[in-house]
Amino acid sequence: MADDDRDPRTLTLADFPVRRPVTTRWSDNDMYGHLNNAVYYELFDSAINAWQAEHLTIDPMTDATQGVVAESGCVFYGEVAFPSPLVVGLRVVRIGTSSVTYQLGLFLDPDRASDPDPAVKALGHWVHVEIDAASRRPTPIPDGLRALMEAAR
């Protein structure tokens, strides 16, 4: 996942060049009182797409290419629950011709949490493959998107 040999549990928010505050909902908690595991994937997906939309004009209904998820995963290190303020840290760990691999860390938001424990709570990886919208086959990542990805390394 990461491009170094460190124990992933030692990652901090400073290791991620992109940081996206995220909001959870009451219904995100499961019967054990913490966020349901599927919610982590929603938070990661939203962080990536919001970051891209903030910097690029993206319209999945009309763009010639689309980024689709080819692989995702998450390792859980600590519990979080609604209403804890959270932030997703994002960095690009690999860029290929038509794919990109993101690493995503979920943290308590140090600017909003009453007890901002700096430890990573979950670490995700996400692989997007850029496809041609018409043929649905892999295609090179567009230049503007590639430049944004490079800035997140």
N, C-alpha and C. Protein backbone atom coordinates (compact mmCIF):
# COMPACT_ATOMS: atom_id res chain seq x y z
N MET A 1 0.81 -1.19 0.00
CA MET A 1 0.00 0.00 0.00
C MET A 1 0.86 1.25 0.00
N ALA A 2 1.55 1.51 1.08
CA ALA A 2 2.36 2.72 1.15
C ALA A 2 3.66 2.50 0.40
N ASP A 3 4.30 3.62 0.07
CA ASP A 3 5.55 3.53 -0.67
C ASP A 3 6.75 3.49 0.27
N ASP A 4 6.53 3.18 1.54
CA ASP A 4 7.62 3.04 2.50
C ASP A 4 7.38 1.80 3.34
N ASP A 5 8.32 1.49 4.21
CA ASP A 5 8.23 0.26 4.99
C ASP A 5 7.76 0.50 6.42
N ARG A 6 7.24 1.69 6.70
CA ARG A 6 6.79 1.98 8.06
C ARG A 6 5.56 1.17 8.43
N ASP A 7 5.39 0.96 9.71
CA ASP A 7 4.16 0.37 10.23
C ASP A 7 3.04 1.37 9.93
N PRO A 8 2.00 0.97 9.20
CA PRO A 8 0.94 1.90 8.84
C PRO A 8 0.26 2.56 10.03
N ARG A 9 0.32 1.92 11.19
CA ARG A 9 -0.30 2.51 12.38
C ARG A 9 0.44 3.74 12.87
N THR A 10 1.64 3.98 12.33
CA THR A 10 2.39 5.17 12.73
C THR A 10 2.09 6.38 11.84
N LEU A 11 1.28 6.18 10.80
CA LEU A 11 0.93 7.30 9.93
C LEU A 11 0.13 8.34 10.70
N THR A 12 0.37 9.59 10.38
CA THR A 12 -0.40 10.68 10.96
C THR A 12 -1.01 11.49 9.83
N LEU A 13 -1.86 12.40 10.18
CA LEU A 13 -2.50 13.24 9.18
C LEU A 13 -1.47 14.02 8.36
N ALA A 14 -0.33 14.31 8.94
CA ALA A 14 0.74 15.03 8.23
C ALA A 14 1.29 14.24 7.05
N ASP A 15 1.08 12.93 7.02
CA ASP A 15 1.56 12.10 5.92
C ASP A 15 0.68 12.19 4.67
N PHE A 16 -0.44 12.88 4.78
CA PHE A 16 -1.40 12.95 3.69
C PHE A 16 -1.52 14.39 3.19
N PRO A 17 -1.15 14.65 1.94
CA PRO A 17 -1.18 16.02 1.42
C PRO A 17 -2.59 16.58 1.22
N VAL A 18 -3.58 15.72 1.09
CA VAL A 18 -4.96 16.17 0.93
C VAL A 18 -5.73 15.76 2.18
N ARG A 19 -6.49 16.70 2.72
CA ARG A 19 -7.29 16.43 3.93
C ARG A 19 -8.71 16.90 3.70
N ARG A 20 -9.67 16.01 3.93
CA ARG A 20 -11.08 16.32 3.69
C ARG A 20 -11.87 16.07 4.96
N PRO A 21 -12.41 17.12 5.60
CA PRO A 21 -13.31 16.89 6.74
C PRO A 21 -14.54 16.11 6.24
N VAL A 22 -15.01 15.18 7.03
CA VAL A 22 -16.18 14.38 6.65
C VAL A 22 -17.18 14.38 7.80
N THR A 23 -18.42 14.22 7.43
CA THR A 23 -19.51 14.23 8.39
C THR A 23 -20.15 12.85 8.44
N THR A 24 -20.41 12.40 9.64
CA THR A 24 -21.13 11.14 9.80
C THR A 24 -22.56 11.45 10.25
N ARG A 25 -23.38 10.43 10.20
CA ARG A 25 -24.79 10.56 10.59
C ARG A 25 -25.11 9.58 11.71
N TRP A 26 -26.14 9.86 12.42
CA TRP A 26 -26.60 8.98 13.49
C TRP A 26 -26.76 7.55 12.98
N SER A 27 -27.31 7.40 11.79
CA SER A 27 -27.57 6.08 11.24
C SER A 27 -26.31 5.34 10.81
N ASP A 28 -25.15 6.01 10.83
CA ASP A 28 -23.89 5.34 10.47
C ASP A 28 -23.39 4.40 11.56
N ASN A 29 -23.83 4.62 12.80
CA ASN A 29 -23.43 3.73 13.89
C ASN A 29 -24.16 2.39 13.75
N ASP A 30 -23.45 1.31 14.06
CA ASP A 30 -24.11 0.00 14.04
C ASP A 30 -24.53 -0.38 15.46
N MET A 31 -25.01 -1.58 15.63
CA MET A 31 -25.52 -1.99 16.94
C MET A 31 -24.43 -2.07 18.01
N TYR A 32 -23.16 -2.04 17.60
CA TYR A 32 -22.06 -2.07 18.56
C TYR A 32 -21.62 -0.67 18.99
N GLY A 33 -22.26 0.36 18.41
CA GLY A 33 -21.98 1.73 18.82
C GLY A 33 -20.83 2.39 18.09
N HIS A 34 -20.34 1.78 17.02
CA HIS A 34 -19.31 2.44 16.22
C HIS A 34 -19.75 2.44 14.75
N LEU A 35 -19.00 3.16 13.91
CA LEU A 35 -19.37 3.24 12.51
C LEU A 35 -19.36 1.86 11.88
N ASN A 36 -20.40 1.56 11.14
CA ASN A 36 -20.46 0.33 10.39
C ASN A 36 -19.34 0.32 9.36
N ASN A 37 -18.74 -0.83 9.09
CA ASN A 37 -17.58 -0.89 8.20
C ASN A 37 -17.87 -0.35 6.81
N ALA A 38 -19.08 -0.49 6.31
CA ALA A 38 -19.41 0.02 4.98
C ALA A 38 -19.33 1.54 4.92
N VAL A 39 -19.53 2.20 6.04
CA VAL A 39 -19.49 3.67 6.08
C VAL A 39 -18.08 4.17 5.76
N TYR A 40 -17.06 3.45 6.18
CA TYR A 40 -15.69 3.86 5.89
C TYR A 40 -15.48 3.98 4.39
N TYR A 41 -16.00 3.02 3.65
CA TYR A 41 -15.87 3.03 2.19
C TYR A 41 -16.61 4.22 1.58
N GLU A 42 -17.78 4.54 2.13
CA GLU A 42 -18.52 5.71 1.66
C GLU A 42 -17.73 6.99 1.92
N LEU A 43 -17.11 7.09 3.09
CA LEU A 43 -16.32 8.27 3.43
C LEU A 43 -15.12 8.40 2.50
N PHE A 44 -14.44 7.30 2.22
CA PHE A 44 -13.28 7.33 1.32
C PHE A 44 -13.70 7.72 -0.09
N ASP A 45 -14.76 7.12 -0.59
CA ASP A 45 -15.25 7.41 -1.94
C ASP A 45 -15.64 8.88 -2.05
N SER A 46 -16.35 9.38 -1.06
CA SER A 46 -16.77 10.79 -1.06
C SER A 46 -15.58 11.72 -1.00
N ALA A 47 -14.57 11.39 -0.21
CA ALA A 47 -13.39 12.25 -0.10
C ALA A 47 -12.66 12.35 -1.44
N ILE A 48 -12.47 11.24 -2.12
CA ILE A 48 -11.79 11.26 -3.42
C ILE A 48 -12.59 12.08 -4.43
N ASN A 49 -13.87 11.80 -4.53
CA ASN A 49 -14.69 12.47 -5.53
C ASN A 49 -14.89 13.95 -5.23
N ALA A 50 -15.04 14.32 -3.97
CA ALA A 50 -15.18 15.74 -3.62
C ALA A 50 -13.88 16.49 -3.91
N TRP A 51 -12.75 15.87 -3.62
CA TRP A 51 -11.45 16.49 -3.90
C TRP A 51 -11.29 16.73 -5.39
N GLN A 52 -11.61 15.74 -6.20
CA GLN A 52 -11.52 15.92 -7.65
C GLN A 52 -12.49 17.00 -8.14
N ALA A 53 -13.72 16.97 -7.66
CA ALA A 53 -14.73 17.93 -8.10
C ALA A 53 -14.38 19.36 -7.68
N GLU A 54 -13.66 19.49 -6.59
CA GLU A 54 -13.24 20.82 -6.12
C GLU A 54 -12.22 21.45 -7.05
N HIS A 55 -11.45 20.62 -7.75
CA HIS A 55 -10.35 21.11 -8.59
C HIS A 55 -10.58 20.96 -10.09
N LEU A 56 -11.50 20.11 -10.48
CA LEU A 56 -11.74 19.83 -11.90
C LEU A 56 -13.23 19.86 -12.19
N THR A 57 -13.57 20.13 -13.43
CA THR A 57 -14.96 20.02 -13.85
C THR A 57 -15.18 18.58 -14.31
N ILE A 58 -15.96 17.86 -13.53
CA ILE A 58 -16.21 16.45 -13.82
C ILE A 58 -17.72 16.26 -13.94
N ASP A 59 -18.13 15.64 -15.03
CA ASP A 59 -19.53 15.29 -15.22
C ASP A 59 -19.59 13.85 -15.71
N PRO A 60 -19.85 12.90 -14.80
CA PRO A 60 -19.83 11.49 -15.18
C PRO A 60 -20.87 11.13 -16.24
N MET A 61 -21.84 12.00 -16.44
CA MET A 61 -22.87 11.71 -17.45
C MET A 61 -22.42 12.10 -18.86
N THR A 62 -21.46 13.07 -18.97
CA THR A 62 -21.08 13.54 -20.30
C THR A 62 -19.59 13.46 -20.59
N ASP A 63 -18.74 13.24 -19.58
CA ASP A 63 -17.30 13.18 -19.83
C ASP A 63 -16.94 11.99 -20.71
N ALA A 64 -15.90 12.15 -21.50
CA ALA A 64 -15.44 11.08 -22.39
C ALA A 64 -14.82 9.92 -21.62
N THR A 65 -14.32 10.22 -20.41
CA THR A 65 -13.73 9.16 -19.59
C THR A 65 -14.36 9.19 -18.20
N GLN A 66 -14.22 8.08 -17.51
CA GLN A 66 -14.75 7.95 -16.15
C GLN A 66 -13.77 7.15 -15.31
N GLY A 67 -13.64 7.53 -14.06
CA GLY A 67 -12.84 6.75 -13.12
C GLY A 67 -13.74 5.77 -12.39
N VAL A 68 -13.45 4.49 -12.50
CA VAL A 68 -14.25 3.48 -11.81
C VAL A 68 -13.37 2.73 -10.81
N VAL A 69 -13.98 2.29 -9.73
CA VAL A 69 -13.25 1.57 -8.69
C VAL A 69 -13.00 0.14 -9.16
N ALA A 70 -11.73 -0.23 -9.20
CA ALA A 70 -11.35 -1.59 -9.57
C ALA A 70 -11.00 -2.42 -8.35
N GLU A 71 -10.61 -1.74 -7.26
CA GLU A 71 -10.21 -2.45 -6.05
C GLU A 71 -10.31 -1.49 -4.88
N SER A 72 -10.70 -2.02 -3.74
CA SER A 72 -10.71 -1.21 -2.52
C SER A 72 -10.49 -2.13 -1.33
N GLY A 73 -10.02 -1.53 -0.26
CA GLY A 73 -9.80 -2.30 0.96
C GLY A 73 -9.63 -1.37 2.13
N CYS A 74 -9.76 -1.93 3.33
CA CYS A 74 -9.63 -1.12 4.54
C CYS A 74 -9.13 -1.99 5.68
N VAL A 75 -8.21 -1.43 6.47
CA VAL A 75 -7.74 -2.06 7.69
C VAL A 75 -8.17 -1.14 8.83
N PHE A 76 -8.82 -1.71 9.84
CA PHE A 76 -9.36 -0.94 10.95
C PHE A 76 -8.42 -1.01 12.15
N TYR A 77 -8.07 0.16 12.69
CA TYR A 77 -7.15 0.22 13.82
C TYR A 77 -7.79 0.73 15.10
N GLY A 78 -8.84 1.51 14.99
CA GLY A 78 -9.49 2.06 16.18
C GLY A 78 -10.92 2.44 15.86
N GLU A 79 -11.74 2.42 16.86
CA GLU A 79 -13.15 2.72 16.66
C GLU A 79 -13.39 4.22 16.55
N VAL A 80 -14.35 4.56 15.72
CA VAL A 80 -14.91 5.91 15.67
C VAL A 80 -16.42 5.77 15.60
N ALA A 81 -17.11 6.81 16.04
CA ALA A 81 -18.57 6.74 16.08
C ALA A 81 -19.15 8.13 15.87
N PHE A 82 -20.36 8.17 15.38
CA PHE A 82 -21.10 9.42 15.33
C PHE A 82 -21.27 9.89 16.76
N PRO A 83 -21.07 11.14 17.07
CA PRO A 83 -20.85 12.30 16.21
C PRO A 83 -19.40 12.78 16.17
N SER A 84 -18.43 11.91 16.29
CA SER A 84 -17.03 12.34 16.27
C SER A 84 -16.71 13.06 14.97
N PRO A 85 -16.10 14.24 15.07
CA PRO A 85 -15.67 14.93 13.84
C PRO A 85 -14.45 14.22 13.26
N LEU A 86 -14.51 13.94 11.97
CA LEU A 86 -13.48 13.13 11.32
C LEU A 86 -12.88 13.88 10.14
N VAL A 87 -11.72 13.40 9.73
CA VAL A 87 -11.08 13.90 8.52
C VAL A 87 -10.46 12.71 7.80
N VAL A 88 -10.59 12.72 6.47
CA VAL A 88 -9.94 11.71 5.64
C VAL A 88 -8.69 12.33 5.04
N GLY A 89 -7.55 11.69 5.29
CA GLY A 89 -6.31 12.08 4.63
C GLY A 89 -6.16 11.25 3.37
N LEU A 90 -5.70 11.88 2.30
CA LEU A 90 -5.62 11.21 1.00
C LEU A 90 -4.24 11.47 0.42
N ARG A 91 -3.66 10.42 -0.12
CA ARG A 91 -2.43 10.57 -0.90
C ARG A 91 -2.41 9.56 -2.02
N VAL A 92 -1.72 9.91 -3.08
CA VAL A 92 -1.56 9.02 -4.22
C VAL A 92 -0.26 8.25 -4.02
N VAL A 93 -0.34 6.93 -4.08
CA VAL A 93 0.86 6.12 -3.89
C VAL A 93 1.37 5.49 -5.19
N ARG A 94 0.52 5.51 -6.24
CA ARG A 94 0.94 4.98 -7.52
C ARG A 94 0.07 5.56 -8.63
N ILE A 95 0.71 5.97 -9.71
CA ILE A 95 -0.02 6.41 -10.90
C ILE A 95 0.52 5.62 -12.07
N GLY A 96 -0.37 4.95 -12.78
CA GLY A 96 -0.01 4.23 -14.00
C GLY A 96 -0.54 4.98 -15.20
N THR A 97 -0.60 4.31 -16.32
CA THR A 97 -1.13 4.92 -17.54
C THR A 97 -2.63 5.16 -17.42
N SER A 98 -3.35 4.16 -16.91
CA SER A 98 -4.81 4.29 -16.83
C SER A 98 -5.35 4.09 -15.42
N SER A 99 -4.47 3.90 -14.44
CA SER A 99 -4.97 3.66 -13.08
C SER A 99 -4.18 4.47 -12.05
N VAL A 100 -4.82 4.65 -10.92
CA VAL A 100 -4.21 5.36 -9.80
C VAL A 100 -4.57 4.60 -8.53
N THR A 101 -3.62 4.54 -7.59
CA THR A 101 -3.88 3.94 -6.29
C THR A 101 -3.78 5.03 -5.24
N TYR A 102 -4.85 5.18 -4.48
CA TYR A 102 -4.91 6.13 -3.37
C TYR A 102 -4.72 5.38 -2.06
N GLN A 103 -4.12 6.06 -1.10
CA GLN A 103 -4.12 5.59 0.28
C GLN A 103 -4.91 6.62 1.07
N LEU A 104 -5.79 6.15 1.92
CA LEU A 104 -6.69 7.02 2.67
C LEU A 104 -6.62 6.68 4.14
N GLY A 105 -6.42 7.69 4.96
CA GLY A 105 -6.40 7.51 6.41
C GLY A 105 -7.58 8.21 7.03
N LEU A 106 -8.22 7.56 7.98
CA LEU A 106 -9.32 8.18 8.70
C LEU A 106 -8.83 8.55 10.09
N PHE A 107 -9.03 9.82 10.45
CA PHE A 107 -8.54 10.37 11.70
C PHE A 107 -9.63 11.17 12.39
N LEU A 108 -9.52 11.32 13.70
CA LEU A 108 -10.31 12.33 14.39
C LEU A 108 -9.80 13.68 13.92
N ASP A 109 -10.70 14.61 13.68
CA ASP A 109 -10.31 15.92 13.18
C ASP A 109 -9.65 16.70 14.31
N PRO A 110 -8.35 17.01 14.19
CA PRO A 110 -7.65 17.68 15.28
C PRO A 110 -8.16 19.10 15.56
N ASP A 111 -8.84 19.70 14.59
CA ASP A 111 -9.36 21.05 14.78
C ASP A 111 -10.77 21.07 15.38
N ARG A 112 -11.44 19.92 15.38
CA ARG A 112 -12.83 19.91 15.86
C ARG A 112 -13.10 18.91 16.97
N ALA A 113 -12.23 17.93 17.16
CA ALA A 113 -12.48 16.89 18.17
C ALA A 113 -12.14 17.41 19.56
N SER A 114 -12.92 17.01 20.56
CA SER A 114 -12.64 17.45 21.94
C SER A 114 -11.40 16.76 22.49
N ASP A 115 -11.11 15.55 22.03
CA ASP A 115 -9.91 14.82 22.43
C ASP A 115 -9.25 14.30 21.15
N PRO A 116 -8.49 15.17 20.46
CA PRO A 116 -7.96 14.80 19.13
C PRO A 116 -6.82 13.79 19.17
N ASP A 117 -7.15 12.53 19.41
CA ASP A 117 -6.18 11.44 19.35
C ASP A 117 -5.60 11.41 17.93
N PRO A 118 -4.28 11.54 17.77
CA PRO A 118 -3.70 11.63 16.42
C PRO A 118 -3.54 10.30 15.69
N ALA A 119 -3.88 9.19 16.33
CA ALA A 119 -3.67 7.87 15.71
C ALA A 119 -4.64 7.64 14.55
N VAL A 120 -4.13 6.97 13.51
CA VAL A 120 -4.98 6.61 12.38
C VAL A 120 -6.00 5.57 12.86
N LYS A 121 -7.25 5.79 12.52
CA LYS A 121 -8.32 4.90 12.95
C LYS A 121 -8.59 3.81 11.92
N ALA A 122 -8.37 4.14 10.66
CA ALA A 122 -8.54 3.16 9.58
C ALA A 122 -7.67 3.59 8.42
N LEU A 123 -7.20 2.62 7.67
CA LEU A 123 -6.35 2.90 6.51
C LEU A 123 -6.92 2.15 5.32
N GLY A 124 -7.28 2.92 4.30
CA GLY A 124 -7.88 2.32 3.12
C GLY A 124 -6.98 2.44 1.91
N HIS A 125 -7.24 1.59 0.94
CA HIS A 125 -6.62 1.76 -0.38
C HIS A 125 -7.72 1.66 -1.42
N TRP A 126 -7.54 2.40 -2.49
CA TRP A 126 -8.59 2.56 -3.49
C TRP A 126 -7.90 2.65 -4.83
N VAL A 127 -8.27 1.81 -5.76
CA VAL A 127 -7.70 1.84 -7.11
C VAL A 127 -8.80 2.27 -8.07
N HIS A 128 -8.55 3.37 -8.76
CA HIS A 128 -9.44 3.83 -9.83
C HIS A 128 -8.79 3.48 -11.16
N VAL A 129 -9.58 2.98 -12.09
CA VAL A 129 -9.15 2.78 -13.47
C VAL A 129 -9.95 3.75 -14.32
N GLU A 130 -9.25 4.51 -15.13
CA GLU A 130 -9.91 5.44 -16.05
C GLU A 130 -10.36 4.64 -17.26
N ILE A 131 -11.64 4.78 -17.60
CA ILE A 131 -12.17 4.05 -18.75
C ILE A 131 -12.79 5.02 -19.75
N ASP A 132 -12.81 4.60 -21.00
CA ASP A 132 -13.52 5.32 -22.04
C ASP A 132 -15.01 5.11 -21.78
N ALA A 133 -15.77 6.21 -21.71
CA ALA A 133 -17.19 6.10 -21.36
C ALA A 133 -17.98 5.29 -22.38
N ALA A 134 -17.60 5.35 -23.64
CA ALA A 134 -18.35 4.63 -24.68
C ALA A 134 -17.96 3.16 -24.75
N SER A 135 -16.66 2.87 -24.81
CA SER A 135 -16.22 1.48 -24.99
C SER A 135 -16.13 0.71 -23.68
N ARG A 136 -16.05 1.44 -22.55
CA ARG A 136 -15.88 0.85 -21.21
C ARG A 136 -14.55 0.13 -21.05
N ARG A 137 -13.56 0.51 -21.84
CA ARG A 137 -12.22 -0.08 -21.79
C ARG A 137 -11.26 0.92 -21.16
N PRO A 138 -10.19 0.45 -20.51
CA PRO A 138 -9.21 1.36 -19.92
C PRO A 138 -8.65 2.34 -20.95
N THR A 139 -8.41 3.55 -20.49
CA THR A 139 -7.88 4.62 -21.34
C THR A 139 -6.93 5.47 -20.50
N PRO A 140 -5.99 6.16 -21.11
CA PRO A 140 -5.06 6.98 -20.32
C PRO A 140 -5.79 8.03 -19.46
N ILE A 141 -5.24 8.26 -18.30
CA ILE A 141 -5.77 9.29 -17.41
C ILE A 141 -5.61 10.65 -18.09
N PRO A 142 -6.68 11.46 -18.17
CA PRO A 142 -6.57 12.78 -18.79
C PRO A 142 -5.52 13.65 -18.09
N ASP A 143 -4.88 14.54 -18.85
CA ASP A 143 -3.77 15.35 -18.33
C ASP A 143 -4.13 16.14 -17.09
N GLY A 144 -5.29 16.81 -17.07
CA GLY A 144 -5.67 17.62 -15.92
C GLY A 144 -5.83 16.79 -14.66
N LEU A 145 -6.45 15.64 -14.80
CA LEU A 145 -6.63 14.74 -13.67
C LEU A 145 -5.30 14.18 -13.21
N ARG A 146 -4.44 13.83 -14.16
CA ARG A 146 -3.10 13.32 -13.82
C ARG A 146 -2.31 14.39 -13.03
N ALA A 147 -2.39 15.64 -13.44
CA ALA A 147 -1.68 16.72 -12.72
C ALA A 147 -2.19 16.85 -11.29
N LEU A 148 -3.50 16.74 -11.11
CA LEU A 148 -4.07 16.79 -9.76
C LEU A 148 -3.56 15.63 -8.92
N MET A 149 -3.54 14.45 -9.50
CA MET A 149 -3.05 13.27 -8.80
C MET A 149 -1.58 13.42 -8.42
N GLU A 150 -0.78 13.94 -9.33
CA GLU A 150 0.65 14.14 -9.05
C GLU A 150 0.84 15.06 -7.85
N ALA A 151 -0.04 16.06 -7.73
CA ALA A 151 0.07 17.01 -6.61
C ALA A 151 -0.24 16.38 -5.28
N ALA A 152 -0.85 15.20 -5.28
CA ALA A 152 -1.23 14.52 -4.04
C ALA A 152 -0.26 13.41 -3.67
N ARG A 153 0.90 13.40 -4.24
CA ARG A 153 1.90 12.36 -3.94
C ARG A 153 2.69 12.72 -2.72
